[in-house]
Amino acid sequence: VQLQASGGGLVQPGGSLTLSCAVSGFTLNRPAVGWFRQAPGKEREGISCLSTLNDITHYDDSVKGRFTISSDTAKNTVYLQMNNLRPEDTAVYYCHTFLGTDYWGQGTLVTVSS
């Protein structure tokens, strides 16, 4: 099982980014896949997750209405579209799944700054 996150970068406040999480070793129609983030000096927090099997999405209040999680099962990839980014969204973003144990992607840095 592997998850590879990408798409981070530097963006101005109000801007947008799309993160990708390419998964291998399992198919997206079974476990849920989620996005977490860890800001400097803070604990890692879950911000969104998607169950393709049940067509259920969940968002933390801090990103609701600004972020959208989606998947492309043909590409085995989960996306996080992030709009109206704020400086407080600056963090390393990780994708995650649980298959008897936790699996994490390597993280991708998002910096929101003018």
C-alpha atoms as a PDB file:
ATOM      1  CA  VAL A   1       0.000   0.000   0.000  1.00  0.00           C
ATOM      2  CA  GLN A   2       1.368   3.379  -0.982  1.00  0.00           C
ATOM      3  CA  LEU A   3      -0.006   6.889  -1.075  1.00  0.00           C
ATOM      4  CA  GLN A   4       1.816   9.690  -2.858  1.00  0.00           C
ATOM      5  CA  ALA A   5       0.683  13.255  -2.286  1.00  0.00           C
ATOM      6  CA  SER A   6       1.586  16.091  -4.620  1.00  0.00           C
ATOM      7  CA  GLY A   7       0.452  19.507  -5.735  1.00  0.00           C
ATOM      8  CA  GLY A   8       1.548  21.738  -2.899  1.00  0.00           C
ATOM      9  CA  GLY A   9       3.200  25.082  -3.407  1.00  0.00           C
ATOM     10  CA  LEU A  10       3.161  28.772  -2.653  1.00  0.00           C
ATOM     11  CA  VAL A  11      -0.082  30.623  -3.259  1.00  0.00           C
ATOM     12  CA  GLN A  12      -1.402  34.043  -2.349  1.00  0.00           C
ATOM     13  CA  PRO A  13      -4.340  34.473   0.018  1.00  0.00           C
ATOM     14  CA  GLY A  14      -7.566  33.930  -1.874  1.00  0.00           C
ATOM     15  CA  GLY A  15      -5.858  31.653  -4.359  1.00  0.00           C
ATOM     16  CA  SER A  16      -6.447  27.998  -5.202  1.00  0.00           C
ATOM     17  CA  LEU A  17      -4.505  24.760  -5.320  1.00  0.00           C
ATOM     18  CA  THR A  18      -5.402  21.181  -6.074  1.00  0.00           C
ATOM     19  CA  LEU A  19      -3.652  18.397  -4.201  1.00  0.00           C
ATOM     20  CA  SER A  20      -3.464  14.882  -5.576  1.00  0.00           C
ATOM     21  CA  CYS A  21      -3.018  11.593  -3.748  1.00  0.00           C
ATOM     22  CA  ALA A  22      -2.105   8.702  -6.011  1.00  0.00           C
ATOM     23  CA  VAL A  23      -2.713   5.391  -4.285  1.00  0.00           C
ATOM     24  CA  SER A  24      -1.490   1.898  -5.057  1.00  0.00           C
ATOM     25  CA  GLY A  25      -1.958  -1.472  -3.456  1.00  0.00           C
ATOM     26  CA  PHE A  26      -5.683  -0.998  -2.958  1.00  0.00           C
ATOM     27  CA  THR A  27      -8.670   0.307  -4.842  1.00  0.00           C
ATOM     28  CA  LEU A  28     -10.593   3.399  -3.890  1.00  0.00           C
ATOM     29  CA  ASN A  29     -13.901   1.582  -3.731  1.00  0.00           C
ATOM     30  CA  ARG A  30     -13.014   0.018  -0.405  1.00  0.00           C
ATOM     31  CA  PRO A  31     -11.429   2.105   2.341  1.00  0.00           C
ATOM     32  CA  ALA A  32     -12.034   5.761   2.936  1.00  0.00           C
ATOM     33  CA  VAL A  33      -9.193   8.106   2.069  1.00  0.00           C
ATOM     34  CA  GLY A  34      -8.664  11.295   3.979  1.00  0.00           C
ATOM     35  CA  TRP A  35      -6.602  14.448   4.002  1.00  0.00           C
ATOM     36  CA  PHE A  36      -4.850  15.678   7.114  1.00  0.00           C
ATOM     37  CA  ARG A  37      -2.630  18.680   7.652  1.00  0.00           C
ATOM     38  CA  GLN A  38      -0.033  19.734  10.157  1.00  0.00           C
ATOM     39  CA  ALA A  39       0.817  23.373  10.637  1.00  0.00           C
ATOM     40  CA  PRO A  40       4.116  24.432  12.242  1.00  0.00           C
ATOM     41  CA  GLY A  41       3.982  23.852  15.980  1.00  0.00           C
ATOM     42  CA  LYS A  42       0.559  22.222  15.838  1.00  0.00           C
ATOM     43  CA  GLU A  43      -0.792  18.703  15.896  1.00  0.00           C
ATOM     44  CA  ARG A  44      -1.864  16.915  12.760  1.00  0.00           C
ATOM     45  CA  GLU A  45      -5.575  17.388  12.115  1.00  0.00           C
ATOM     46  CA  GLY A  46      -8.040  15.699   9.822  1.00  0.00           C
ATOM     47  CA  ILE A  47      -9.743  18.045   7.401  1.00  0.00           C
ATOM     48  CA  SER A  48     -11.600  15.910   4.885  1.00  0.00           C
ATOM     49  CA  CYS A  49     -12.329  12.318   3.943  1.00  0.00           C
ATOM     50  CA  LEU A  50     -14.081  10.446   1.185  1.00  0.00           C
ATOM     51  CA  SER A  51     -15.697   7.039   0.975  1.00  0.00           C
ATOM     52  CA  THR A  52     -16.141   6.241  -2.693  1.00  0.00           C
ATOM     53  CA  LEU A  53     -17.979   3.032  -1.847  1.00  0.00           C
ATOM     54  CA  ASN A  54     -20.637   4.853   0.152  1.00  0.00           C
ATOM     55  CA  ASP A  55     -20.399   8.178  -1.702  1.00  0.00           C
ATOM     56  CA  ILE A  56     -19.867  10.012   1.576  1.00  0.00           C
ATOM     57  CA  THR A  57     -17.674  13.047   2.124  1.00  0.00           C
ATOM     58  CA  HIS A  58     -16.804  14.850   5.328  1.00  0.00           C
ATOM     59  CA  TYR A  59     -15.201  18.223   5.977  1.00  0.00           C
ATOM     60  CA  ASP A  60     -13.874  19.900   9.061  1.00  0.00           C
ATOM     61  CA  ASP A  61     -15.567  23.213   9.794  1.00  0.00           C
ATOM     62  CA  SER A  62     -12.302  25.036   9.101  1.00  0.00           C
ATOM     63  CA  VAL A  63     -12.425  24.081   5.400  1.00  0.00           C
ATOM     64  CA  LYS A  64     -16.116  23.508   4.750  1.00  0.00           C
ATOM     65  CA  GLY A  65     -17.307  25.486   1.764  1.00  0.00           C
ATOM     66  CA  ARG A  66     -13.758  26.139   0.530  1.00  0.00           C
ATOM     67  CA  PHE A  67     -12.279  22.671  -0.010  1.00  0.00           C
ATOM     68  CA  THR A  68     -13.696  19.835  -2.103  1.00  0.00           C
ATOM     69  CA  ILE A  69     -12.559  16.228  -1.976  1.00  0.00           C
ATOM     70  CA  SER A  70     -13.096  13.970  -4.969  1.00  0.00           C
ATOM     71  CA  SER A  71     -11.704  10.865  -6.589  1.00  0.00           C
ATOM     72  CA  ASP A  72     -10.972   9.353  -9.969  1.00  0.00           C
ATOM     73  CA  THR A  73     -11.221   5.613  -9.507  1.00  0.00           C
ATOM     74  CA  ALA A  74      -9.808   4.955 -12.976  1.00  0.00           C
ATOM     75  CA  LYS A  75      -6.623   6.775 -11.953  1.00  0.00           C
ATOM     76  CA  ASN A  76      -6.737   5.570  -8.320  1.00  0.00           C
ATOM     77  CA  THR A  77      -6.300   9.160  -7.256  1.00  0.00           C
ATOM     78  CA  VAL A  78      -7.967  11.331  -4.644  1.00  0.00           C
ATOM     79  CA  TYR A  79      -7.977  15.096  -5.034  1.00  0.00           C
ATOM     80  CA  LEU A  80      -8.397  18.019  -2.685  1.00  0.00           C
ATOM     81  CA  GLN A  81      -9.469  21.187  -4.452  1.00  0.00           C
ATOM     82  CA  MET A  82      -8.662  24.118  -2.182  1.00  0.00           C
ATOM     83  CA  ASN A  83     -10.201  27.508  -2.910  1.00  0.00           C
ATOM     84  CA  ASN A  84     -10.100  30.842  -1.127  1.00  0.00           C
ATOM     85  CA  LEU A  85      -6.947  29.827   0.692  1.00  0.00           C
ATOM     86  CA  ARG A  86      -5.998  31.643   3.878  1.00  0.00           C
ATOM     87  CA  PRO A  87      -2.658  32.069   5.638  1.00  0.00           C
ATOM     88  CA  GLU A  88      -3.908  29.727   8.362  1.00  0.00           C
ATOM     89  CA  ASP A  89      -4.182  26.961   5.749  1.00  0.00           C
ATOM     90  CA  THR A  90      -0.379  26.891   5.595  1.00  0.00           C
ATOM     91  CA  ALA A  91       0.671  23.368   6.539  1.00  0.00           C
ATOM     92  CA  VAL A  92       2.061  20.100   5.312  1.00  0.00           C
ATOM     93  CA  TYR A  93      -0.832  18.128   3.848  1.00  0.00           C
ATOM     94  CA  TYR A  94      -0.975  14.348   4.076  1.00  0.00           C
ATOM     95  CA  CYS A  95      -3.293  11.795   2.577  1.00  0.00           C
ATOM     96  CA  HIS A  96      -4.196   8.782   4.677  1.00  0.00           C
ATOM     97  CA  THR A  97      -6.045   5.523   4.663  1.00  0.00           C
ATOM     98  CA  PHE A  98      -6.576   2.730   7.148  1.00  0.00           C
ATOM     99  CA  LEU A  99      -6.304  -0.906   6.113  1.00  0.00           C
ATOM    100  CA  GLY A 100      -5.734  -2.667   9.402  1.00  0.00           C
ATOM    101  CA  THR A 101      -3.042  -0.089  10.053  1.00  0.00           C
ATOM    102  CA  ASP A 102      -2.495   3.551   9.176  1.00  0.00           C
ATOM    103  CA  TYR A 103      -0.944   4.404   5.829  1.00  0.00           C
ATOM    104  CA  TRP A 104       0.298   7.930   5.134  1.00  0.00           C
ATOM    105  CA  GLY A 105       1.523   9.729   2.074  1.00  0.00           C
ATOM    106  CA  GLN A 106       4.773  11.629   2.365  1.00  0.00           C
ATOM    107  CA  GLY A 107       3.190  15.063   2.710  1.00  0.00           C
ATOM    108  CA  THR A 108       3.129  18.094   0.464  1.00  0.00           C
ATOM    109  CA  LEU A 109       3.732  21.635   1.707  1.00  0.00           C
ATOM    110  CA  VAL A 110       1.146  24.331   1.111  1.00  0.00           C
ATOM    111  CA  THR A 111       2.203  27.882   1.905  1.00  0.00           C
ATOM    112  CA  VAL A 112      -0.355  30.676   1.745  1.00  0.00           C
ATOM    113  CA  SER A 113       1.363  34.017   1.849  1.00  0.00           C
ATOM    114  CA  SER A 114       1.495  37.333   0.061  1.00  0.00           C
END
